[in-house]
């Protein structure tokens, strides 16, 4: 149902009529609430707005897929030429099967910076690290590739989604946060 926006005079009239109804209800000793028609939303001029959706409100996997598709479709993300031959960490045995892994990693990195700004290359290697299997000996944690993390952050800086933080690491720009919230709204919508 489409509603037209209310003018300021209509808003004042609605507001004053609602406050009068409220004062009449409080004066009655036995109010008949069933007889009155209660509005579904107290301020109709705000009902037409869509609720603000952030990255935290949507499923992370769907969001990362949608953002990766957006980055690939835009064609502005600078992808290194070695993406088809590189391993993503020393504990990995093979290169990634997905040929669009760089877009997915960039989308995931942007989401991590949205949730926790001030992260740099070192913290990205921790986030994307994993278990190194040592055969018959016990497994240990191993960090991800610094080169991949650095190139992803540089590519996001080229899109003006990420900037260097004065306290160290990198953070999202206001434009990057707007883009991520817009894509989250599309995922939710």
Protein backbone atom coordinates (compact mmCIF):
# COMPACT_ATOMS: atom_id res chain seq x y z
CA UNK A 1 0.00 0.00 0.00
CA UNK A 2 1.53 3.26 -1.08
CA UNK A 3 0.99 6.26 1.16
CA UNK A 4 1.65 9.85 0.22
CA UNK A 5 3.88 11.88 2.53
CA UNK A 6 2.02 14.11 4.97
CA UNK A 7 2.52 17.86 4.95
CA UNK A 8 3.70 19.57 8.16
CA UNK A 9 0.22 20.97 8.86
CA UNK A 10 -1.36 17.51 8.50
CA UNK A 11 1.31 16.10 10.84
CA UNK A 12 0.49 18.72 13.49
CA UNK A 13 -3.24 18.00 13.14
CA UNK A 14 -2.68 14.24 13.49
CA UNK A 15 -0.33 14.74 16.41
CA UNK A 16 -2.74 17.02 18.28
CA UNK A 17 -5.70 14.69 17.67
CA UNK A 18 -3.71 11.73 18.99
CA UNK A 19 -2.63 13.62 22.10
CA UNK A 20 -6.29 14.65 22.71
CA UNK A 21 -7.38 11.01 22.41
CA UNK A 22 -4.68 10.01 24.87
CA UNK A 23 -5.72 12.66 27.41
CA UNK A 24 -9.41 11.65 27.07
CA UNK A 25 -8.47 8.03 27.71
CA UNK A 26 -6.50 8.91 30.81
CA UNK A 27 -9.42 10.99 32.22
CA UNK A 28 -12.01 8.24 31.79
CA UNK A 29 -12.34 6.03 34.82
CA UNK A 30 -13.40 3.01 32.73
CA UNK A 31 -12.19 3.48 29.19
CA UNK A 32 -13.83 1.43 26.48
CA UNK A 33 -10.75 0.46 24.49
CA UNK A 34 -12.65 -1.81 22.11
CA UNK A 35 -14.92 1.01 20.97
CA UNK A 36 -12.01 3.22 19.85
CA UNK A 37 -10.23 2.55 16.62
CA UNK A 38 -6.52 2.41 17.37
CA UNK A 39 -4.14 3.28 14.54
CA UNK A 40 -1.74 0.60 13.35
CA UNK A 41 1.22 2.99 13.40
CA UNK A 42 1.29 6.14 15.56
CA UNK A 43 3.06 8.31 12.95
CA UNK A 44 1.81 7.55 9.42
CA UNK A 45 4.38 9.81 7.75
CA UNK A 46 7.13 7.53 9.08
CA UNK A 47 5.41 4.31 8.00
CA UNK A 48 6.30 4.87 4.34
CA UNK A 49 10.06 4.71 5.08
CA UNK A 50 11.87 1.42 4.74
CA UNK A 51 13.60 0.21 7.88
CA UNK A 52 17.36 0.72 7.85
CA UNK A 53 19.17 -2.57 7.23
CA UNK A 54 22.82 -3.05 8.13
CA UNK A 55 25.31 -5.81 7.42
CA UNK A 56 24.67 -7.23 10.90
CA UNK A 57 20.99 -7.84 10.06
CA UNK A 58 21.50 -10.26 7.16
CA UNK A 59 22.94 -13.74 6.70
CA UNK A 60 26.70 -13.40 6.29
CA UNK A 61 27.05 -16.01 3.55
CA UNK A 62 24.32 -14.49 1.40
CA UNK A 63 25.78 -11.04 1.96
CA UNK A 64 29.31 -12.07 0.96
CA UNK A 65 27.99 -13.77 -2.19
CA UNK A 66 25.97 -10.67 -3.12
CA UNK A 67 28.88 -8.30 -2.47
CA UNK A 68 31.27 -10.52 -4.46
CA UNK A 69 28.82 -10.53 -7.38
CA UNK A 70 28.57 -6.72 -7.13
CA UNK A 71 32.36 -6.33 -7.13
CA UNK A 72 32.72 -8.62 -10.14
CA UNK A 73 29.89 -6.94 -12.04
CA UNK A 74 31.29 -3.46 -11.41
CA UNK A 75 34.61 -4.45 -12.99
CA UNK A 76 36.51 -1.83 -10.96
CA UNK A 77 38.28 -4.22 -8.57
CA UNK A 78 41.90 -4.65 -9.66
CA UNK A 79 42.64 -8.39 -9.67
CA UNK A 80 46.30 -9.52 -9.76
CA UNK A 81 47.38 -11.74 -12.64
CA UNK A 82 48.61 -14.52 -10.34
CA UNK A 83 45.18 -15.34 -8.88
CA UNK A 84 44.89 -18.65 -10.76
CA UNK A 85 48.19 -20.11 -9.48
CA UNK A 86 48.44 -19.02 -5.84
CA UNK A 87 47.70 -20.90 -2.62
CA UNK A 88 45.91 -18.89 0.05
CA UNK A 89 48.06 -20.12 2.94
CA UNK A 90 51.08 -22.30 3.60
CA UNK A 91 48.91 -24.97 5.24
CA UNK A 92 46.77 -25.35 2.11
CA UNK A 93 47.59 -28.15 -0.28
CA UNK A 94 45.88 -26.76 -3.39
CA UNK A 95 44.90 -23.47 -4.94
CA UNK A 96 41.20 -22.53 -4.52
CA UNK A 97 38.76 -24.28 -6.83
CA UNK A 98 36.62 -21.18 -7.31
CA UNK A 99 38.01 -19.02 -10.09
CA UNK A 100 36.33 -15.93 -8.57
CA UNK A 101 37.90 -16.42 -5.14
CA UNK A 102 39.50 -12.96 -5.15
CA UNK A 103 36.09 -11.26 -5.29
CA UNK A 104 34.80 -13.49 -2.49
CA UNK A 105 37.86 -12.74 -0.34
CA UNK A 106 37.51 -9.01 -1.00
CA UNK A 107 33.82 -9.14 -0.02
CA UNK A 108 34.61 -11.11 3.12
CA UNK A 109 37.41 -8.70 4.05
CA UNK A 110 35.12 -5.70 3.57
CA UNK A 111 32.53 -7.36 5.83
CA UNK A 112 35.18 -8.01 8.51
CA UNK A 113 36.27 -4.38 8.36
CA UNK A 114 32.63 -3.30 8.71
CA UNK A 115 32.30 -5.35 11.88
CA UNK A 116 35.77 -4.65 13.27
CA UNK A 117 37.56 -1.61 11.92
CA UNK A 118 41.25 -1.02 12.46
CA UNK A 119 42.25 -4.46 11.21
CA UNK A 120 45.41 -4.71 9.16
CA UNK A 121 47.29 -7.30 7.17
CA UNK A 122 48.39 -9.22 10.27
CA UNK A 123 44.90 -9.57 11.68
CA UNK A 124 43.58 -10.64 8.26
CA UNK A 125 46.15 -13.46 8.22
CA UNK A 126 44.80 -14.59 11.60
CA UNK A 127 41.20 -14.44 10.39
CA UNK A 128 41.94 -16.45 7.25
CA UNK A 129 44.34 -18.87 8.92
CA UNK A 130 43.57 -22.49 9.62
CA UNK A 131 44.81 -25.84 10.79
CA UNK A 132 48.14 -27.13 9.53
CA UNK A 133 48.07 -30.89 9.46
CA UNK A 134 51.46 -32.35 10.28
CA UNK A 135 50.88 -35.99 9.40
CA UNK A 136 51.26 -38.19 12.48
CA UNK A 137 52.29 -35.22 14.61
CA UNK A 138 49.72 -32.87 16.22
CA UNK A 139 48.09 -30.14 14.15
CA UNK A 140 48.77 -26.47 14.86
CA UNK A 141 47.27 -23.17 13.81
CA UNK A 142 48.84 -21.55 10.77
CA UNK A 143 48.25 -18.03 9.46
CA UNK A 144 46.96 -17.16 6.00
CA UNK A 145 48.96 -15.51 3.23
CA UNK A 146 50.13 -11.96 3.92
CA UNK A 147 50.52 -11.23 0.23
CA UNK A 148 46.90 -12.11 -0.53
CA UNK A 149 45.63 -10.08 2.45
CA UNK A 150 47.73 -7.07 1.42
CA UNK A 151 46.61 -7.20 -2.22
CA UNK A 152 42.94 -7.52 -1.23
CA UNK A 153 43.18 -4.49 1.06
CA UNK A 154 44.99 -2.50 -1.64
CA UNK A 155 42.32 -3.43 -4.18
CA UNK A 156 39.57 -2.27 -1.79
CA UNK A 157 41.51 0.97 -1.23
CA UNK A 158 41.50 1.47 -4.99
CA UNK A 159 37.68 1.33 -4.92
CA UNK A 160 37.62 3.96 -2.12
CA UNK A 161 35.84 1.45 0.15
CA UNK A 162 38.74 1.20 2.60
CA UNK A 163 41.24 3.73 3.93
CA UNK A 164 44.19 3.60 6.29
CA UNK A 165 43.31 4.15 9.93
CA UNK A 166 45.33 6.68 11.93
CA UNK A 167 45.62 4.16 14.78
CA UNK A 168 46.97 1.47 12.46
CA UNK A 169 45.33 -0.99 10.14
CA UNK A 170 42.51 -0.09 7.80
CA UNK A 171 38.89 0.93 8.18
CA UNK A 172 35.86 1.39 5.96
CA UNK A 173 35.20 4.78 4.44
CA UNK A 174 31.72 6.32 4.79
CA UNK A 175 31.14 5.56 1.11
CA UNK A 176 32.15 1.92 1.68
CA UNK A 177 29.80 1.62 4.64
CA UNK A 178 26.97 3.08 2.54
CA UNK A 179 27.65 0.58 -0.25
CA UNK A 180 27.69 -2.37 2.15
CA UNK A 181 24.46 -1.25 3.84
CA UNK A 182 22.80 -0.81 0.44
CA UNK A 183 23.77 -4.34 -0.61
CA UNK A 184 22.57 -5.66 2.77
CA UNK A 185 19.21 -4.01 2.08
CA UNK A 186 19.05 -5.75 -1.30
CA UNK A 187 19.86 -9.10 0.31
CA UNK A 188 17.18 -8.55 2.98
CA UNK A 189 14.64 -7.14 0.49
